[in-house]
Amino acid sequence: MNAIAAPLVGQAMWGYVLSGAALLSFAVAILATKAASNRANLELGFLVALVVNVVFAGSALVVQIAIRGTGLQWNTLAFCLFAASGVFATYLGRWFFYESVVRFGPAKASIFQVSSPLFVALFAWLVLGERLSMGVALGMLMAVMGLALIAHKPGFFARGKADVPTKYASFLARVLQSVFLLGLFSSGAYAVGNLLRGAAVRSWAEPIAGALIGALTGLALHYFLSKDKASLVTRLRAAPRRGLWLYALVGMANISGQITTIASMRYIPLSIAALVSLCTPLLVFPLSYWLFKNQERLTWSVMAGSTLTLLGMAIVVLR
């Protein structure tokens, strides 16, 4: 058995299958976000997606318990880790990512999401002791160079208009105007969230319960930090039904991706699970071009940078 095929047997195979399923789910979520944002308000849609996260994960947990016939064995540390992951991944990471999809399109946004496994690999090495070989370091360098190639365009760091209060304009407006900063913050938040999820699921093998805990945390944060709570019901009634249904699809796809990603972390290293599940450009690029008629004007530099990034990711996977 050769060196490449060897890791793909036994339990490791389940890890790759689960992370591959997560990849499909996240790609659907990205494309649905772009379509939904053209029909309904992003903030309102974000809330709908989070509610669907909780309902879907809760329903899945009930079915799981009914099938196996036993309840959950409580683990306080894992509960806290999953709750903290909800702050970083479900709330902060997803908010920044949704903003980048709406402002700059799914293809460019998904490229920066791919950088998240680089942060996961670094954090896993520092915190959990997952070692990085020379091959992994080379792959990470190639991926970073690819992202730099995508970013190195005139006006890249200051495009778009940010609709934020004046007192926040000195920083938040600059963030919202830059796909690089939005993508960077999203990637970093997702990486911390995945690190916490990986640490939690290895001591408490309950990926569905973990995803539900994170979703509840993210929903609570979004609700308490949202404006105009009193008019929420009115705004929901006035919102286009098709847009809300698309955001519901985003919620189902995202929570499915989270569950399968968390489950894959039981069988393969955290950085590999995050890498495979977030290689969304492999699907988003061709589908975005086809569905949105190349609205994002994908240039040769973007395509070359994307190729270099994905080659670096492949080297990491095959290390």
Protein backbone atom coordinates (compact mmCIF):
# COMPACT_ATOMS: atom_id res chain seq x y z
CA MET A 1 0.00 0.00 0.00
CA ASN A 2 1.57 3.33 -1.03
CA ALA A 3 2.09 6.30 1.25
CA ILE A 4 -0.83 8.28 -0.19
CA ALA A 5 -3.37 5.48 -0.01
CA ALA A 6 -2.41 4.35 3.49
CA PRO A 7 -4.05 7.23 5.41
CA LEU A 8 -7.28 6.72 3.48
CA VAL A 9 -8.15 3.38 5.06
CA GLY A 10 -10.07 2.55 8.22
CA GLN A 11 -11.30 5.41 10.33
CA ALA A 12 -9.40 8.03 8.32
CA MET A 13 -11.63 7.29 5.34
CA TRP A 14 -14.66 8.35 7.37
CA GLY A 15 -12.92 11.60 8.15
CA TYR A 16 -12.44 12.40 4.46
CA VAL A 17 -15.98 11.33 3.55
CA LEU A 18 -17.48 13.50 6.30
CA SER A 19 -15.35 16.53 5.47
CA GLY A 20 -16.23 16.06 1.79
CA ALA A 21 -19.92 16.14 2.72
CA ALA A 22 -19.23 19.34 4.66
CA LEU A 23 -17.61 20.82 1.55
CA LEU A 24 -20.79 20.23 -0.45
CA SER A 25 -22.94 21.76 2.29
CA PHE A 26 -20.80 24.90 2.63
CA ALA A 27 -20.72 25.42 -1.14
CA VAL A 28 -24.53 25.32 -1.22
CA ALA A 29 -24.64 27.81 1.67
CA ILE A 30 -22.32 30.25 -0.12
CA LEU A 31 -24.29 30.25 -3.35
CA ALA A 32 -27.62 30.45 -1.53
CA THR A 33 -26.35 33.43 0.49
CA LYS A 34 -25.57 35.35 -2.68
CA ALA A 35 -29.00 34.57 -4.15
CA ALA A 36 -30.83 35.34 -0.90
CA SER A 37 -29.09 38.70 -0.36
CA ASN A 38 -30.63 39.99 -3.59
CA ARG A 39 -34.11 39.38 -2.18
CA ALA A 40 -33.98 40.00 1.58
CA ASN A 41 -31.99 42.00 4.14
CA LEU A 42 -28.75 40.31 5.23
CA GLU A 43 -29.17 40.97 8.96
CA LEU A 44 -32.71 39.59 8.93
CA GLY A 45 -31.59 36.64 6.82
CA PHE A 46 -28.71 35.95 9.21
CA LEU A 47 -31.23 35.63 12.04
CA VAL A 48 -33.41 33.29 9.99
CA ALA A 49 -30.38 31.13 9.19
CA LEU A 50 -29.41 30.93 12.87
CA VAL A 51 -32.95 29.95 13.91
CA VAL A 52 -32.94 27.22 11.27
CA ASN A 53 -29.52 26.11 12.60
CA VAL A 54 -31.04 25.51 16.02
CA VAL A 55 -34.23 23.86 14.75
CA PHE A 56 -32.38 21.57 12.32
CA ALA A 57 -29.66 20.54 14.80
CA GLY A 58 -32.22 20.04 17.57
CA SER A 59 -34.36 17.84 15.35
CA ALA A 60 -31.30 15.83 14.27
CA LEU A 61 -30.31 15.33 17.91
CA VAL A 62 -33.78 14.05 18.83
CA VAL A 63 -33.66 11.58 15.93
CA GLN A 64 -30.16 10.46 16.92
CA ILE A 65 -31.16 9.80 20.52
CA ALA A 66 -34.29 7.94 19.42
CA ILE A 67 -32.32 5.70 17.05
CA ARG A 68 -29.54 4.76 19.44
CA GLY A 69 -31.84 4.55 22.46
CA THR A 70 -29.51 6.32 24.90
CA GLY A 71 -29.24 9.91 26.03
CA LEU A 72 -26.21 12.19 26.24
CA GLN A 73 -23.47 11.70 28.79
CA TRP A 74 -22.72 15.19 30.09
CA ASN A 75 -19.27 16.75 29.64
CA THR A 76 -18.98 20.25 31.11
CA LEU A 77 -15.63 21.12 29.51
CA ALA A 78 -16.78 20.06 26.05
CA PHE A 79 -20.01 22.01 26.51
CA CYS A 80 -18.03 25.16 27.28
CA LEU A 81 -15.73 24.60 24.31
CA PHE A 82 -18.65 24.11 21.93
CA ALA A 83 -20.36 27.22 23.34
CA ALA A 84 -17.17 29.25 22.81
CA SER A 85 -16.93 27.91 19.26
CA GLY A 86 -20.40 29.33 18.66
CA VAL A 87 -19.11 32.79 19.53
CA PHE A 88 -16.22 32.60 17.07
CA ALA A 89 -17.51 30.44 14.20
CA THR A 90 -21.30 30.62 14.31
CA TYR A 91 -21.51 34.33 15.11
CA LEU A 92 -18.32 36.28 14.32
CA GLY A 93 -16.94 34.13 11.51
CA ARG A 94 -20.24 33.74 9.74
CA TRP A 95 -21.19 37.42 10.07
CA PHE A 96 -17.91 38.55 8.50
CA PHE A 97 -18.22 35.89 5.81
CA TYR A 98 -21.82 36.76 4.93
CA GLU A 99 -20.80 40.39 4.61
CA SER A 100 -17.97 39.48 2.23
CA VAL A 101 -20.26 37.28 0.09
CA VAL A 102 -22.86 40.04 -0.25
CA ARG A 103 -20.35 42.83 -0.90
CA PHE A 104 -17.82 41.05 -3.09
CA GLY A 105 -19.47 37.86 -4.36
CA PRO A 106 -19.26 34.15 -3.44
CA ALA A 107 -16.15 33.29 -5.45
CA LYS A 108 -13.81 35.90 -3.91
CA ALA A 109 -15.28 35.36 -0.45
CA SER A 110 -14.83 31.60 -0.64
CA ILE A 111 -11.16 31.96 -1.59
CA PHE A 112 -10.45 33.71 1.69
CA GLN A 113 -12.46 31.10 3.58
CA VAL A 114 -9.95 28.57 2.25
CA SER A 115 -7.24 30.36 4.23
CA SER A 116 -8.94 29.34 7.49
CA PRO A 117 -7.23 25.90 7.59
CA LEU A 118 -3.87 27.70 7.60
CA PHE A 119 -4.86 29.34 10.86
CA VAL A 120 -6.29 26.03 12.13
CA ALA A 121 -3.01 24.26 11.39
CA LEU A 122 -1.05 26.96 13.22
CA PHE A 123 -3.37 27.01 16.24
CA ALA A 124 -3.52 23.19 16.39
CA TRP A 125 0.27 23.07 16.38
CA LEU A 126 0.56 25.69 19.12
CA VAL A 127 -2.29 24.47 21.34
CA LEU A 128 -2.83 20.76 20.61
CA GLY A 129 0.64 19.77 19.46
CA GLU A 130 -0.34 18.70 15.91
CA ARG A 131 3.00 18.78 14.11
CA LEU A 132 3.57 20.48 10.76
CA SER A 133 5.96 18.81 8.32
CA MET A 134 8.06 20.59 5.68
CA GLY A 135 5.50 19.54 3.07
CA VAL A 136 2.70 21.16 5.04
CA ALA A 137 4.76 24.33 5.47
CA LEU A 138 5.37 24.43 1.69
CA GLY A 139 1.67 23.98 1.00
CA MET A 140 0.78 26.75 3.45
CA LEU A 141 3.31 29.09 1.81
CA MET A 142 1.88 28.38 -1.64
CA ALA A 143 -1.63 29.06 -0.38
CA VAL A 144 -0.61 32.37 1.19
CA MET A 145 1.16 33.39 -2.03
CA GLY A 146 -1.99 32.57 -3.96
CA LEU A 147 -4.07 34.74 -1.65
CA ALA A 148 -1.55 37.57 -2.02
CA LEU A 149 -1.83 37.30 -5.80
CA ILE A 150 -5.60 37.62 -5.55
CA ALA A 151 -5.31 40.57 -3.19
CA HIS A 152 -2.70 42.49 -5.22
CA LYS A 153 -5.05 44.55 -7.37
CA PRO A 154 -5.54 48.34 -7.59
CA GLY A 155 -8.16 49.49 -5.11
CA PHE A 156 -8.47 46.02 -3.58
CA PHE A 157 -8.17 47.27 0.01
CA ALA A 158 -10.74 50.07 -0.35
CA ARG A 159 -13.70 49.24 -2.54
CA GLY A 160 -17.41 49.46 -1.92
CA LYS A 161 -19.33 51.68 0.44
CA ALA A 162 -19.91 50.94 4.07
CA ASP A 163 -23.20 52.01 5.55
CA VAL A 164 -22.13 52.44 9.18
CA PRO A 165 -22.46 55.21 11.78
CA THR A 166 -19.82 57.96 11.63
CA LYS A 167 -18.36 57.14 15.04
CA TYR A 168 -17.40 53.65 13.81
CA ALA A 169 -16.16 54.77 10.40
CA SER A 170 -12.51 54.99 11.41
CA PHE A 171 -12.24 51.20 11.67
CA LEU A 172 -15.44 49.30 10.88
CA ALA A 173 -16.06 51.12 7.60
CA ARG A 174 -12.53 50.26 6.48
CA VAL A 175 -13.15 46.62 7.33
CA LEU A 176 -16.45 46.49 5.49
CA GLN A 177 -14.90 48.12 2.42
CA SER A 178 -12.11 45.56 2.10
CA VAL A 179 -12.65 41.98 0.98
CA PHE A 180 -9.16 41.23 2.33
CA LEU A 181 -9.97 42.37 5.88
CA LEU A 182 -13.43 40.82 5.90
CA GLY A 183 -11.98 37.55 4.64
CA LEU A 184 -9.09 37.66 7.11
CA PHE A 185 -11.34 38.24 10.12
CA SER A 186 -13.76 35.57 8.94
CA SER A 187 -10.96 33.05 8.44
CA GLY A 188 -9.42 33.76 11.83
CA ALA A 189 -12.75 33.47 13.65
CA TYR A 190 -13.60 30.21 11.87
CA ALA A 191 -10.16 28.84 12.71
CA VAL A 192 -10.55 29.50 16.44
CA GLY A 193 -14.04 28.01 16.30
CA ASN A 194 -12.79 24.86 14.58
CA LEU A 195 -9.94 24.51 17.05
CA LEU A 196 -12.44 24.62 19.92
CA ARG A 197 -14.77 22.16 18.17
CA GLY A 198 -11.95 19.72 17.49
CA ALA A 199 -10.77 19.80 21.08
CA ALA A 200 -14.35 19.32 22.31
CA VAL A 201 -15.38 16.43 20.03
CA ARG A 202 -12.27 14.43 20.93
CA SER A 203 -13.36 14.36 24.57
CA TRP A 204 -17.11 14.24 23.91
CA ALA A 205 -18.08 12.38 20.72
CA GLU A 206 -21.35 14.26 20.15
CA PRO A 207 -20.98 16.33 16.95
CA ILE A 208 -24.72 17.01 16.59
CA ALA A 209 -25.06 18.17 20.19
CA GLY A 210 -21.92 20.26 19.79
CA ALA A 211 -23.26 21.94 16.68
CA LEU A 212 -26.56 22.63 18.47
CA ILE A 213 -24.77 24.23 21.44
CA GLY A 214 -22.76 26.46 19.11
CA ALA A 215 -25.87 27.41 17.15
CA LEU A 216 -27.75 28.36 20.33
CA THR A 217 -24.83 30.54 21.42
CA GLY A 218 -24.64 32.25 18.03
CA LEU A 219 -28.40 32.84 17.95
CA ALA A 220 -28.42 34.34 21.44
CA LEU A 221 -25.57 36.70 20.57
CA HIS A 222 -27.20 37.80 17.35
CA TYR A 223 -30.53 38.45 19.02
CA PHE A 224 -29.17 40.46 21.96
CA LEU A 225 -26.79 42.48 19.77
CA SER A 226 -29.34 43.19 17.04
CA LYS A 227 -31.09 46.52 16.67
CA ASP A 228 -34.84 47.11 16.47
CA LYS A 229 -35.89 43.93 18.27
CA ALA A 230 -39.38 45.34 18.72
CA SER A 231 -39.93 45.52 14.97
CA LEU A 232 -38.49 42.07 14.26
CA VAL A 233 -41.84 40.33 13.71
CA THR A 234 -43.06 43.17 11.49
CA ARG A 235 -39.90 43.05 9.38
CA LEU A 236 -40.17 39.29 9.02
CA ARG A 237 -43.75 39.57 7.82
CA ALA A 238 -42.79 42.26 5.32
CA ALA A 239 -39.72 40.43 3.99
CA PRO A 240 -39.99 38.59 0.64
CA ARG A 241 -40.91 34.96 1.24
CA ARG A 242 -38.48 33.64 -1.38
CA GLY A 243 -35.58 35.46 0.25
CA LEU A 244 -36.43 34.05 3.67
CA TRP A 245 -36.72 30.52 2.26
CA LEU A 246 -33.30 30.92 0.67
CA TYR A 247 -31.84 32.02 4.01
CA ALA A 248 -33.49 28.96 5.59
CA LEU A 249 -31.64 26.86 3.01
CA VAL A 250 -28.43 28.66 4.01
CA GLY A 251 -29.09 27.72 7.62
CA MET A 252 -29.72 24.05 6.85
CA ALA A 253 -26.64 23.81 4.65
CA ASN A 254 -24.40 25.56 7.16
CA ILE A 255 -25.43 23.48 10.17
CA SER A 256 -25.10 20.29 8.10
CA GLY A 257 -21.58 21.38 7.19
CA GLN A 258 -20.78 22.11 10.81
CA ILE A 259 -22.03 18.72 12.02
CA THR A 260 -20.08 16.75 9.42
CA THR A 261 -16.94 18.85 9.94
CA ILE A 262 -17.05 18.28 13.70
CA ALA A 263 -17.63 14.57 13.15
CA SER A 264 -14.66 14.34 10.75
CA MET A 265 -12.36 15.83 13.40
CA ARG A 266 -12.66 12.59 15.37
CA TYR A 267 -10.83 10.69 12.61
CA ILE A 268 -8.39 13.08 10.91
CA PRO A 269 -6.27 16.06 12.06
CA LEU A 270 -8.13 19.31 12.64
CA SER A 271 -6.24 21.17 9.92
CA ILE A 272 -7.08 18.49 7.33
CA ALA A 273 -10.76 18.39 8.28
CA ALA A 274 -10.98 22.18 8.05
CA LEU A 275 -9.05 22.20 4.79
CA VAL A 276 -11.21 19.69 2.93
CA SER A 277 -14.50 21.11 4.18
CA LEU A 278 -13.55 24.68 3.23
CA CYS A 279 -12.15 24.08 -0.26
CA THR A 280 -15.37 25.61 -1.51
CA PRO A 281 -13.84 27.39 -4.54
CA LEU A 282 -13.55 24.00 -6.23
CA LEU A 283 -17.34 24.07 -6.49
CA VAL A 284 -18.20 27.73 -6.03
CA PHE A 285 -16.09 29.07 -8.91
CA PRO A 286 -17.74 27.10 -11.74
CA LEU A 287 -21.21 27.24 -10.21
CA SER A 288 -20.96 30.97 -9.46
CA TYR A 289 -19.86 31.68 -13.02
CA TRP A 290 -22.77 29.65 -14.36
CA LEU A 291 -25.46 30.86 -11.95
CA PHE A 292 -24.50 34.53 -11.73
CA LYS A 293 -23.21 35.01 -15.30
CA ASN A 294 -19.68 35.99 -14.22
CA GLN A 295 -20.93 39.06 -12.33
CA GLU A 296 -17.75 39.00 -10.28
CA ARG A 297 -15.50 39.48 -13.33
CA LEU A 298 -13.06 36.75 -12.44
CA THR A 299 -9.72 37.82 -13.90
CA TRP A 300 -6.70 35.75 -14.79
CA SER A 301 -4.89 36.93 -11.66
CA VAL A 302 -7.78 35.74 -9.50
CA MET A 303 -7.85 32.39 -11.28
CA ALA A 304 -4.06 31.99 -11.06
CA GLY A 305 -4.06 32.88 -7.37
CA SER A 306 -6.94 30.49 -6.76
CA THR A 307 -5.06 27.70 -8.55
CA LEU A 308 -1.93 28.32 -6.50
CA THR A 309 -3.97 28.34 -3.30
CA LEU A 310 -5.69 25.08 -4.12
CA LEU A 311 -2.39 23.44 -5.11
CA GLY A 312 -1.00 24.43 -1.72
CA MET A 313 -4.06 22.94 -0.06
CA ALA A 314 -3.58 19.71 -2.03
CA ILE A 315 0.02 19.43 -0.83
CA VAL A 316 -1.19 19.78 2.76
CA VAL A 317 -3.83 17.07 2.27
CA LEU A 318 -1.36 14.63 0.68
CA ARG A 319 1.44 15.21 3.17
